[in-house]
C-alpha cells in the first residue's frame, strides 16, 4: 500500500516539476526575445540595463 502511495507521489512531483520547468523555459525564452528586440522596437539604441 505504501509503495502505491509513494509511486503516486513521485509521479505527481515529476509532472509538477516538468510543467514548472517547461513554463520557466518558455518564460526565459520570451524574456530573452523581448529583452533583445525591445530596444529595436522602441527605436532606442542604448537600453538601460
Protein backbone atom coordinates (compact mmCIF):
# COMPACT_ATOMS: atom_id res chain seq x y z
CA UNK A 1 0.00 0.00 0.00
CA UNK A 2 2.80 2.38 0.93
CA UNK A 3 4.59 1.73 -2.37
CA UNK A 4 1.44 2.70 -4.31
CA UNK A 5 1.18 5.99 -2.39
CA UNK A 6 4.91 6.63 -2.88
CA UNK A 7 4.66 5.91 -6.62
CA UNK A 8 1.68 8.26 -6.99
CA UNK A 9 3.52 10.94 -5.02
CA UNK A 10 6.60 10.58 -7.22
CA UNK A 11 4.51 10.82 -10.38
CA UNK A 12 2.74 13.94 -9.11
CA UNK A 13 6.05 15.60 -8.19
CA UNK A 14 7.60 14.64 -11.52
CA UNK A 15 4.67 16.02 -13.54
CA UNK A 16 4.58 19.21 -11.45
CA UNK A 17 8.33 19.76 -11.84
CA UNK A 18 8.15 19.08 -15.58
CA UNK A 19 5.37 21.63 -16.00
CA UNK A 20 7.24 24.20 -13.89
CA UNK A 21 10.48 23.68 -15.83
CA UNK A 22 8.51 23.89 -19.10
CA UNK A 23 6.90 27.17 -18.01
CA UNK A 24 10.26 28.52 -16.81
CA UNK A 25 11.89 27.68 -20.14
CA UNK A 26 9.12 29.35 -22.14
CA UNK A 27 9.23 32.36 -19.83
CA UNK A 28 13.01 32.63 -20.14
CA UNK A 29 12.89 32.38 -23.94
CA UNK A 30 10.17 35.03 -24.15
CA UNK A 31 12.11 37.27 -21.77
CA UNK A 32 15.31 36.95 -23.83
CA UNK A 33 13.46 37.65 -27.09
CA UNK A 34 11.71 40.71 -25.65
CA UNK A 35 14.94 41.90 -24.00
CA UNK A 36 16.88 41.58 -27.25
CA UNK A 37 14.26 43.16 -29.53
CA UNK A 38 12.73 45.77 -27.21
CA UNK A 39 15.36 48.47 -27.96
CA UNK A 40 14.92 47.89 -31.71
CA UNK A 41 11.13 48.07 -31.36
CA UNK A 42 11.26 51.29 -29.33
CA UNK A 43 13.96 52.73 -31.58
CA UNK A 44 16.35 53.28 -28.69
CA UNK A 45 19.89 52.06 -29.30
CA UNK A 46 21.03 52.46 -25.69
CA UNK A 47 18.86 50.35 -23.33
CA UNK A 48 19.29 50.99 -19.63
CA UNK A 49 20.42 47.62 -18.29
